[in-house]
Protein backbone atom coordinates (compact mmCIF):
# COMPACT_ATOMS: atom_id res chain seq x y z
CA UNK A 1 8.73 -62.71 -40.92
CA UNK A 2 8.27 -63.80 -36.96
CA UNK A 3 5.13 -62.57 -35.52
CA UNK A 4 4.68 -59.71 -33.17
CA UNK A 5 3.64 -59.42 -29.49
CA UNK A 6 3.23 -56.42 -27.59
CA UNK A 7 4.09 -56.94 -23.96
CA UNK A 8 2.04 -54.37 -21.74
CA UNK A 9 3.17 -54.59 -17.95
CA UNK A 10 6.88 -56.49 -19.12
CA UNK A 11 8.28 -56.23 -15.74
CA UNK A 12 5.26 -57.79 -13.88
CA UNK A 13 4.61 -61.60 -13.06
CA UNK A 14 2.26 -62.37 -16.25
CA UNK A 15 4.40 -59.76 -18.11
CA UNK A 16 7.82 -60.89 -17.41
CA UNK A 17 7.26 -64.75 -18.00
CA UNK A 18 5.10 -64.23 -21.57
CA UNK A 19 7.90 -61.63 -22.45
CA UNK A 20 10.72 -64.43 -21.80
CA UNK A 21 7.94 -67.46 -23.35
CA UNK A 22 7.17 -65.69 -26.70
CA UNK A 23 10.68 -64.53 -27.34
CA UNK A 24 12.33 -68.19 -26.56
CA UNK A 25 9.42 -69.72 -29.19
CA UNK A 26 10.85 -67.23 -32.07
CA UNK A 27 8.18 -64.55 -31.69
CA UNK A 28 9.31 -60.45 -31.85
CA UNK A 29 8.92 -59.25 -28.59
CA UNK A 30 8.02 -55.36 -27.79
CA UNK A 31 7.90 -54.60 -24.39
CA UNK A 32 5.54 -51.75 -23.55
CA UNK A 33 7.66 -48.41 -21.58
CA UNK A 34 4.52 -46.81 -19.81
CA UNK A 35 7.09 -44.18 -19.15
CA UNK A 36 8.48 -43.39 -22.80
CA UNK A 37 5.45 -45.77 -25.42
CA UNK A 38 2.19 -44.72 -26.53
CA UNK A 39 -0.20 -47.63 -27.00
CA UNK A 40 -1.79 -46.40 -30.45
CA UNK A 41 2.24 -46.32 -31.70
CA UNK A 42 3.56 -49.10 -29.52
CA UNK A 43 0.52 -51.07 -30.43
CA UNK A 44 0.93 -50.98 -34.39
CA UNK A 45 1.36 -54.06 -36.77
CA UNK A 46 1.42 -56.21 -33.68
CA UNK A 47 -0.21 -60.01 -33.62
CA UNK A 48 -0.87 -60.32 -30.15
CA UNK A 49 -1.14 -58.04 -27.19
CA UNK A 50 -0.45 -59.51 -23.75
CA UNK A 51 -2.52 -57.25 -21.25
CA UNK A 52 -0.58 -57.43 -18.29
CA UNK A 53 -1.59 -53.97 -16.72
CA UNK A 54 -2.27 -54.86 -13.51
CA UNK A 55 -2.60 -52.07 -10.58
CA UNK A 56 -2.82 -52.66 -7.02
CA UNK A 57 -6.66 -53.68 -6.22
CA UNK A 58 -7.24 -50.45 -4.36
CA UNK A 59 -6.76 -48.53 -7.73
CA UNK A 60 -8.79 -51.53 -10.29
CA UNK A 61 -12.18 -49.27 -9.67
CA UNK A 62 -10.45 -45.85 -10.99
CA UNK A 63 -7.78 -47.34 -13.01
CA UNK A 64 -8.87 -50.78 -14.76
CA UNK A 65 -11.90 -49.98 -17.48
CA UNK A 66 -9.81 -47.19 -18.86
CA UNK A 67 -6.41 -49.03 -19.58
CA UNK A 68 -8.73 -52.04 -20.81
CA UNK A 69 -10.63 -49.72 -23.07
CA UNK A 70 -7.39 -48.90 -24.39
CA UNK A 71 -6.38 -52.27 -24.70
CA UNK A 72 -9.30 -52.84 -26.50
CA UNK A 73 -9.07 -50.13 -28.98
CA UNK A 74 -5.44 -50.63 -30.03
CA UNK A 75 -6.24 -54.34 -30.79
CA UNK A 76 -9.44 -53.84 -32.71
CA UNK A 77 -7.16 -51.14 -34.74
CA UNK A 78 -4.98 -53.43 -35.60
CA UNK A 79 -6.86 -56.81 -35.82
CA UNK A 80 -4.86 -58.09 -33.15
CA UNK A 81 -5.58 -61.08 -30.70
CA UNK A 82 -5.51 -59.94 -26.59
CA UNK A 83 -4.34 -62.54 -24.37
CA UNK A 84 -5.92 -61.92 -20.77
CA UNK A 85 -5.25 -63.21 -17.57
CA UNK A 86 -8.11 -64.11 -16.35
CA UNK A 87 -8.81 -64.74 -12.51
CA UNK A 88 -11.66 -66.99 -10.19
CA UNK A 89 -12.71 -63.57 -8.87
CA UNK A 90 -16.00 -63.57 -11.36
CA UNK A 91 -17.51 -66.99 -9.81
CA UNK A 92 -18.11 -65.64 -6.62
CA UNK A 93 -19.12 -68.05 -3.51
CA UNK A 94 -22.05 -69.47 -5.11
CA UNK A 95 -20.95 -70.51 -7.87
CA UNK A 96 -21.18 -74.54 -8.70
CA UNK A 97 -17.90 -75.90 -9.41
CA UNK A 98 -15.27 -77.02 -10.87
CA UNK A 99 -15.27 -73.44 -12.49
CA UNK A 100 -15.69 -73.44 -16.36
CA UNK A 101 -15.76 -71.69 -19.18
CA UNK A 102 -19.63 -71.94 -18.97
CA UNK A 103 -19.96 -71.50 -15.03
CA UNK A 104 -22.21 -68.25 -14.07
CA UNK A 105 -20.41 -65.30 -13.25
CA UNK A 106 -22.05 -64.90 -9.51
CA UNK A 107 -19.80 -62.40 -7.82
CA UNK A 108 -21.21 -59.55 -6.18
CA UNK A 109 -18.32 -58.22 -4.47
CA UNK A 110 -16.67 -55.28 -5.46
CA UNK A 111 -13.44 -56.75 -7.29
CA UNK A 112 -15.54 -59.63 -8.71
CA UNK A 113 -17.98 -56.82 -10.67
CA UNK A 114 -14.90 -55.26 -11.84
CA UNK A 115 -13.18 -58.16 -13.28
CA UNK A 116 -16.81 -59.22 -14.57
CA UNK A 117 -17.40 -55.64 -16.24
CA UNK A 118 -14.06 -56.30 -17.81
CA UNK A 119 -14.05 -59.42 -19.38
CA UNK A 120 -17.59 -58.76 -20.61
CA UNK A 121 -16.50 -55.59 -22.11
CA UNK A 122 -14.00 -57.58 -24.62
CA UNK A 123 -16.62 -59.89 -25.64
CA UNK A 124 -19.17 -57.20 -26.02
CA UNK A 125 -16.81 -55.15 -28.63
CA UNK A 126 -15.58 -57.74 -30.48
CA UNK A 127 -12.17 -57.97 -29.48
CA UNK A 128 -10.43 -61.27 -30.66
CA UNK A 129 -9.77 -62.42 -26.97
CA UNK A 130 -7.87 -65.31 -25.31
CA UNK A 131 -8.95 -65.17 -21.64
CA UNK A 132 -6.65 -67.57 -19.72
CA UNK A 133 -8.11 -67.91 -16.50
CA UNK A 134 -6.18 -69.21 -13.75
CA UNK A 135 -5.78 -69.70 -9.99
CA UNK A 136 -3.18 -68.21 -7.72
CA UNK A 137 0.57 -67.64 -8.80
CA UNK A 138 3.51 -69.27 -8.25
CA UNK A 139 6.55 -67.51 -9.36
CA UNK A 140 10.01 -68.31 -9.69
CA UNK A 141 11.36 -65.37 -7.79
CA UNK A 142 9.73 -63.05 -4.76
CA UNK A 143 7.47 -61.00 -6.91
CA UNK A 144 4.61 -60.17 -3.90
CA UNK A 145 1.81 -62.53 -4.24
CA UNK A 146 0.20 -64.49 -1.82
CA UNK A 147 2.43 -67.19 -1.80
CA UNK A 148 5.87 -65.91 -1.32
CA UNK A 149 4.31 -62.90 0.38
CA UNK A 150 2.49 -64.22 3.49
CA UNK A 151 3.02 -68.05 2.88
CA UNK A 152 6.12 -68.62 2.97
CA UNK A 153 8.03 -66.81 5.07
CA UNK A 154 8.08 -69.21 7.37
CA UNK A 155 9.21 -72.59 5.88
CA UNK A 156 12.52 -72.23 7.14
CA UNK A 157 10.83 -72.60 10.70
CA UNK A 158 9.09 -76.07 9.14
CA UNK A 159 5.64 -73.83 8.96
CA UNK A 160 3.57 -73.30 5.96
CA UNK A 161 1.22 -70.14 7.05
CA UNK A 162 -1.96 -70.75 5.71
CA UNK A 163 -4.74 -67.99 4.95
CA UNK A 164 -7.66 -70.32 5.67
CA UNK A 165 -8.74 -73.60 6.35
CA UNK A 166 -6.19 -76.24 5.59
CA UNK A 167 -8.31 -78.82 4.68
CA UNK A 168 -10.11 -76.93 1.48
CA UNK A 169 -9.30 -77.29 -2.21
CA UNK A 170 -7.43 -74.01 -4.03
CA UNK A 171 -6.45 -73.54 -7.41
CA UNK A 172 -2.84 -72.41 -8.19
CA UNK A 173 -1.06 -72.04 -11.52
CA UNK A 174 2.57 -72.06 -12.08
CA UNK A 175 3.53 -68.96 -13.87
CA UNK A 176 5.86 -70.27 -16.29
CA UNK A 177 3.45 -73.01 -17.42
CA UNK A 178 1.02 -70.36 -17.52
CA UNK A 179 3.09 -68.45 -20.44
CA UNK A 180 4.09 -71.70 -22.11
CA UNK A 181 0.17 -72.37 -22.57
CA UNK A 182 -0.32 -67.99 -23.62
CA UNK A 183 1.81 -68.92 -26.64
CA UNK A 184 0.68 -72.39 -27.60
CA UNK A 185 -2.64 -70.47 -27.85
CA UNK A 186 -1.24 -67.73 -29.90
CA UNK A 187 -0.02 -70.11 -32.30
CA UNK A 188 -3.43 -71.58 -32.58
CA UNK A 189 -5.49 -68.37 -32.71
CA UNK A 190 -6.57 -68.60 -36.34
CA UNK A 191 -8.72 -71.71 -35.17
CA UNK A 192 -10.20 -69.93 -32.19
CA UNK A 193 -13.54 -68.36 -31.61
CA UNK A 194 -13.49 -64.33 -31.58
CA UNK A 195 -13.54 -64.98 -27.62
CA UNK A 196 -12.23 -67.56 -25.97
CA UNK A 197 -12.59 -68.29 -22.14
CA UNK A 198 -10.01 -71.06 -21.20
CA UNK A 199 -9.59 -72.12 -17.92
CA UNK A 200 -5.92 -73.49 -16.84
CA UNK A 201 -6.05 -76.46 -14.76
CA UNK A 202 -2.70 -75.72 -12.96
CA UNK A 203 -2.48 -77.52 -9.16
CA UNK A 204 -5.32 -78.45 -7.00
CA UNK A 205 -4.19 -78.40 -3.75
CA UNK A 206 -5.61 -77.94 -0.08
CA UNK A 207 -3.08 -76.48 2.35
CA UNK A 208 -2.31 -79.80 3.73
CA UNK A 209 -1.34 -81.12 0.20
CA UNK A 210 0.91 -78.52 -0.26
CA UNK A 211 3.00 -79.01 2.64
CA UNK A 212 3.33 -82.33 2.04
CA UNK A 213 4.65 -81.26 -1.32
CA UNK A 214 7.05 -78.82 0.62
CA UNK A 215 8.21 -81.54 2.73
CA UNK A 216 9.95 -83.22 -0.02
CA UNK A 217 10.95 -80.22 -1.81
CA UNK A 218 12.74 -78.32 1.50
CA UNK A 219 14.12 -81.43 2.54
CA UNK A 220 12.13 -81.32 6.46
CA UNK A 221 8.76 -81.66 7.52
CA UNK A 222 6.59 -78.77 7.08
CA UNK A 223 3.60 -78.28 8.42
CA UNK A 224 0.77 -76.15 7.45
CA UNK A 225 -0.79 -73.81 10.34
CA UNK A 226 -3.98 -71.30 9.61
CA UNK A 227 -2.47 -67.82 9.38
CA UNK A 228 -3.81 -65.04 11.73
CA UNK A 229 -5.54 -62.38 9.91
CA UNK A 230 -5.17 -59.99 13.08
CA UNK A 231 -2.17 -58.39 12.24
CA UNK A 232 -3.69 -57.34 8.91
CA UNK A 233 -6.93 -56.12 10.52
CA UNK A 234 -4.80 -53.98 12.80
CA UNK A 235 -3.07 -52.42 9.94
CA UNK A 236 -6.49 -51.92 8.07
CA UNK A 237 -6.67 -48.26 8.69
CA UNK A 238 -3.27 -47.43 7.68
CA UNK A 239 -3.44 -49.56 4.05
CA UNK A 240 -5.85 -48.93 1.76
CA UNK A 241 -4.78 -52.53 -0.28
CA UNK A 242 -6.28 -54.28 3.51
CA UNK A 243 -10.12 -53.98 2.75
CA UNK A 244 -9.81 -55.86 -0.62
CA UNK A 245 -7.56 -58.87 1.16
CA UNK A 246 -10.47 -59.59 3.31
CA UNK A 247 -13.09 -58.84 0.83
CA UNK A 248 -11.19 -62.34 -1.45
CA UNK A 249 -10.42 -64.05 1.96
CA UNK A 250 -13.65 -66.33 1.46
CA UNK A 251 -11.24 -68.15 -1.56
CA UNK A 252 -9.13 -69.28 1.10
CA UNK A 253 -12.21 -71.05 3.06
CA UNK A 254 -14.25 -72.08 -0.35
CA UNK A 255 -13.26 -75.07 -2.00
CA UNK A 256 -12.64 -74.41 -5.67
CA UNK A 257 -11.07 -75.59 -9.01
CA UNK A 258 -10.87 -74.60 -12.21
CA UNK A 259 -11.89 -77.14 -14.73
CA UNK A 260 -9.46 -78.02 -17.61
CA UNK A 261 -11.64 -79.75 -20.20
CA UNK A 262 -11.49 -76.87 -22.87
CA UNK A 263 -7.79 -76.37 -22.12
CA UNK A 264 -6.96 -80.00 -22.64
CA UNK A 265 -9.02 -80.11 -25.70
CA UNK A 266 -6.98 -77.45 -27.13
CA UNK A 267 -3.66 -78.70 -26.29
CA UNK A 268 -3.75 -82.30 -25.09
CA UNK A 269 -0.04 -82.97 -25.24
CA UNK A 270 0.80 -79.75 -22.84
CA UNK A 271 3.80 -80.47 -20.16
CA UNK A 272 2.65 -79.24 -17.11
CA UNK A 273 5.95 -78.57 -14.72
CA UNK A 274 5.44 -81.44 -11.63
CA UNK A 275 4.38 -79.87 -8.47
CA UNK A 276 8.00 -80.77 -6.75
CA UNK A 277 9.55 -79.02 -9.32
CA UNK A 278 7.24 -75.97 -9.39
CA UNK A 279 7.26 -75.53 -5.27
CA UNK A 280 11.08 -76.10 -5.81
CA UNK A 281 11.24 -73.11 -7.83
CA UNK A 282 8.60 -71.05 -6.10
CA UNK A 283 10.82 -71.41 -2.97
CA UNK A 284 14.09 -71.64 -4.22
CA UNK A 285 15.24 -67.95 -2.65
CA UNK A 286 14.00 -69.76 0.88
CA UNK A 287 17.04 -72.67 0.10
């Protein structure tokens, strides 16, 4: 009998791609509908839960603790494994790199502390957890992430609008690759530790290096230019989310990468999508 996965947030970035990847691998896929479904019922008998719920930044403090408490209860009640998409917010600017599973979580800002508490709760409660930690996402369609919302709009004019210094390393992850990795790890969940923190290596690029790849992809010269934050600053009083963009701004100027040692140990033959192909997919709507 096929394994069953419950996708929370099936229309979101992570949920959409994992739903497709698990279905392609022959899993039974349940897509949770928050309008009609109850988690206690939807999670009955599932093997894996994809924790793809991700409210806007300004709702994290109010919503994330309760949402993930529900997920943890459902997982424990059904002896299910939770695949939790992690980010780099937990580390903070003083954590030594490259960031690995054993790197201390030193963030002191609000969003970083929320993510620290969220991850710690899964470990504390003994939930079978695969925390798949990745950098900024590259999607196959515009989905409101940093790349397509802020950076790529100026590509038809030959510019990559970069939010920080263009010579600093930054971690990126191509979503279809992350989703395929989630399935691979789910298939081997019985051999994993009860709580696994697995950084996904993805791509590490400076803004200038990303522009070089985009030059090949777009078939025209692309230059990385520093983005002006002034329009966002002016919008601050009218959009609650803006303050959190400034809160995380340091990541665009802090050189960072993810250590893929544990990932390579578990999935030594995992085929990463080539950089040109990933960025071609992420910019297809512009060409």
